[in-house]
Amino acid sequence: MRTPDRVVVWSLHVVRSGGFAGLKREWRVSSSDAPSVDWPAIVSACPWQKTYPPTADRDRFVWRIEATSSRQTRTATLPESAVTGPWRTLVEEVKSAASD
């Protein structure tokens, strides 16, 4: 199936590291793999420019989120406590689409 030129295809990569055992999990998805999800709106809703101070608790998770299109790449590193609101939506959608 051909993707129309006006449609931007996003590649999303979410990595969760740290925690008690220091384990790393990652999920990858292309927006073309889950076309029913409004990826542009989800990506745009996230506060990419915001910076988050590192957490003092080393047993907490750290999330690295990357969203790449043909036009741009956005990255963010977040402590577990910051994965709320639009970040939580993005993470949950990526995890759900990656497991389908």
C-alpha atoms as a PDB file:
ATOM      1  CA  MET A   1       0.000   0.000   0.000  1.00  0.00           C
ATOM      2  CA  ARG A   2       1.424   3.364  -1.020  1.00  0.00           C
ATOM      3  CA  THR A   3       1.544   6.132   1.587  1.00  0.00           C
ATOM      4  CA  PRO A   4       0.339   9.494   0.221  1.00  0.00           C
ATOM      5  CA  ASP A   5       3.066  12.157   0.114  1.00  0.00           C
ATOM      6  CA  ARG A   6       1.152  14.429   2.486  1.00  0.00           C
ATOM      7  CA  VAL A   7       1.113  11.795   5.241  1.00  0.00           C
ATOM      8  CA  VAL A   8       4.082  11.991   7.602  1.00  0.00           C
ATOM      9  CA  VAL A   9       5.287   8.597   8.806  1.00  0.00           C
ATOM     10  CA  TRP A  10       6.641   8.587  12.344  1.00  0.00           C
ATOM     11  CA  SER A  11       9.089   6.097  13.790  1.00  0.00           C
ATOM     12  CA  LEU A  12       8.769   5.929  17.564  1.00  0.00           C
ATOM     13  CA  HIS A  13      11.211   4.358  19.989  1.00  0.00           C
ATOM     14  CA  VAL A  14      10.624   4.158  23.740  1.00  0.00           C
ATOM     15  CA  VAL A  15      13.264   2.817  26.138  1.00  0.00           C
ATOM     16  CA  ARG A  16      12.679   2.264  29.846  1.00  0.00           C
ATOM     17  CA  SER A  17      15.809   1.603  31.881  1.00  0.00           C
ATOM     18  CA  GLY A  18      16.747   1.418  35.517  1.00  0.00           C
ATOM     19  CA  GLY A  19      14.560   0.165  38.288  1.00  0.00           C
ATOM     20  CA  PHE A  20      15.602  -2.183  41.063  1.00  0.00           C
ATOM     21  CA  ALA A  21      17.309  -4.687  38.754  1.00  0.00           C
ATOM     22  CA  GLY A  22      18.560  -2.137  36.217  1.00  0.00           C
ATOM     23  CA  LEU A  23      16.703  -3.865  33.414  1.00  0.00           C
ATOM     24  CA  LYS A  24      16.072  -2.252  30.047  1.00  0.00           C
ATOM     25  CA  ARG A  25      12.908  -2.629  27.961  1.00  0.00           C
ATOM     26  CA  GLU A  26      12.258  -1.053  24.616  1.00  0.00           C
ATOM     27  CA  TRP A  27       9.419  -0.722  22.168  1.00  0.00           C
ATOM     28  CA  ARG A  28       9.512   0.434  18.530  1.00  0.00           C
ATOM     29  CA  VAL A  29       6.678   1.215  16.199  1.00  0.00           C
ATOM     30  CA  SER A  30       6.117   2.956  12.897  1.00  0.00           C
ATOM     31  CA  SER A  31       2.993   5.038  12.521  1.00  0.00           C
ATOM     32  CA  SER A  32       2.229   3.032   9.382  1.00  0.00           C
ATOM     33  CA  ASP A  33       1.969  -0.091  11.597  1.00  0.00           C
ATOM     34  CA  ALA A  34      -0.866   1.508  13.597  1.00  0.00           C
ATOM     35  CA  PRO A  35      -2.638   3.861  11.176  1.00  0.00           C
ATOM     36  CA  SER A  36      -5.724   4.230  13.376  1.00  0.00           C
ATOM     37  CA  VAL A  37      -3.683   6.112  16.012  1.00  0.00           C
ATOM     38  CA  ASP A  38      -3.390   9.889  15.557  1.00  0.00           C
ATOM     39  CA  TRP A  39       0.412   9.893  15.912  1.00  0.00           C
ATOM     40  CA  PRO A  40       0.968  13.513  14.801  1.00  0.00           C
ATOM     41  CA  ALA A  41      -1.412  14.778  17.493  1.00  0.00           C
ATOM     42  CA  ILE A  42       0.127  12.550  20.174  1.00  0.00           C
ATOM     43  CA  VAL A  43       3.694  13.577  19.273  1.00  0.00           C
ATOM     44  CA  SER A  44       2.754  17.268  19.070  1.00  0.00           C
ATOM     45  CA  ALA A  45       1.051  17.208  22.479  1.00  0.00           C
ATOM     46  CA  CYS A  46       4.264  16.241  24.294  1.00  0.00           C
ATOM     47  CA  PRO A  47       6.407  19.028  25.812  1.00  0.00           C
ATOM     48  CA  TRP A  48       9.637  18.114  23.991  1.00  0.00           C
ATOM     49  CA  GLN A  49      11.529  21.268  24.997  1.00  0.00           C
ATOM     50  CA  LYS A  50      10.910  20.822  28.714  1.00  0.00           C
ATOM     51  CA  THR A  51      13.883  19.603  30.738  1.00  0.00           C
ATOM     52  CA  TYR A  52      13.574  17.375  33.774  1.00  0.00           C
ATOM     53  CA  PRO A  53      16.033  17.219  36.653  1.00  0.00           C
ATOM     54  CA  PRO A  54      17.578  13.808  37.263  1.00  0.00           C
ATOM     55  CA  THR A  55      16.003  11.839  40.059  1.00  0.00           C
ATOM     56  CA  ALA A  56      17.990  11.166  43.214  1.00  0.00           C
ATOM     57  CA  ASP A  57      16.356   7.757  43.624  1.00  0.00           C
ATOM     58  CA  ARG A  58      18.443   5.325  41.598  1.00  0.00           C
ATOM     59  CA  ASP A  59      15.830   2.559  41.783  1.00  0.00           C
ATOM     60  CA  ARG A  60      13.410   4.529  39.592  1.00  0.00           C
ATOM     61  CA  PHE A  61      12.910   4.098  35.882  1.00  0.00           C
ATOM     62  CA  VAL A  62      14.236   6.546  33.311  1.00  0.00           C
ATOM     63  CA  TRP A  63      12.451   6.823  29.974  1.00  0.00           C
ATOM     64  CA  ARG A  64      14.093   7.819  26.690  1.00  0.00           C
ATOM     65  CA  ILE A  65      11.603   8.677  23.989  1.00  0.00           C
ATOM     66  CA  GLU A  66      12.450   9.354  20.359  1.00  0.00           C
ATOM     67  CA  ALA A  67      10.039  10.344  17.597  1.00  0.00           C
ATOM     68  CA  THR A  68      11.471  10.603  14.091  1.00  0.00           C
ATOM     69  CA  SER A  69       9.834  11.633  10.836  1.00  0.00           C
ATOM     70  CA  SER A  70      11.275  12.621   7.479  1.00  0.00           C
ATOM     71  CA  ARG A  71      11.058  16.213   8.703  1.00  0.00           C
ATOM     72  CA  GLN A  72      12.413  16.065  12.253  1.00  0.00           C
ATOM     73  CA  THR A  73      13.670  14.051  15.207  1.00  0.00           C
ATOM     74  CA  ARG A  74      12.508  14.759  18.723  1.00  0.00           C
ATOM     75  CA  THR A  75      14.059  13.185  21.802  1.00  0.00           C
ATOM     76  CA  ALA A  76      13.382  13.405  25.506  1.00  0.00           C
ATOM     77  CA  THR A  77      14.757  11.749  28.620  1.00  0.00           C
ATOM     78  CA  LEU A  78      12.305  11.652  31.494  1.00  0.00           C
ATOM     79  CA  PRO A  79      12.278  10.416  35.059  1.00  0.00           C
ATOM     80  CA  GLU A  80       9.475   7.999  35.853  1.00  0.00           C
ATOM     81  CA  SER A  81       7.546  10.711  37.713  1.00  0.00           C
ATOM     82  CA  ALA A  82       7.312  12.858  34.545  1.00  0.00           C
ATOM     83  CA  VAL A  83       5.673  10.181  32.395  1.00  0.00           C
ATOM     84  CA  THR A  84       2.179  11.585  32.835  1.00  0.00           C
ATOM     85  CA  GLY A  85      -0.384  13.314  30.628  1.00  0.00           C
ATOM     86  CA  PRO A  86       0.710  13.414  26.970  1.00  0.00           C
ATOM     87  CA  TRP A  87       3.914  11.503  27.719  1.00  0.00           C
ATOM     88  CA  ARG A  88       1.897   8.668  29.271  1.00  0.00           C
ATOM     89  CA  THR A  89      -0.403   8.643  26.230  1.00  0.00           C
ATOM     90  CA  LEU A  90       2.556   8.394  23.846  1.00  0.00           C
ATOM     91  CA  VAL A  91       4.260   5.642  25.870  1.00  0.00           C
ATOM     92  CA  GLU A  92       1.075   3.579  26.203  1.00  0.00           C
ATOM     93  CA  GLU A  93       0.216   3.908  22.496  1.00  0.00           C
ATOM     94  CA  VAL A  94       3.729   2.867  21.454  1.00  0.00           C
ATOM     95  CA  LYS A  95       3.709  -0.096  23.843  1.00  0.00           C
ATOM     96  CA  SER A  96       0.272  -1.177  22.666  1.00  0.00           C
ATOM     97  CA  ALA A  97       1.091  -0.864  18.958  1.00  0.00           C
ATOM     98  CA  ALA A  98       4.454  -2.623  19.384  1.00  0.00           C
ATOM     99  CA  SER A  99       2.847  -5.618  21.078  1.00  0.00           C
ATOM    100  CA  ASP A 100       0.147  -6.130  18.419  1.00  0.00           C
END
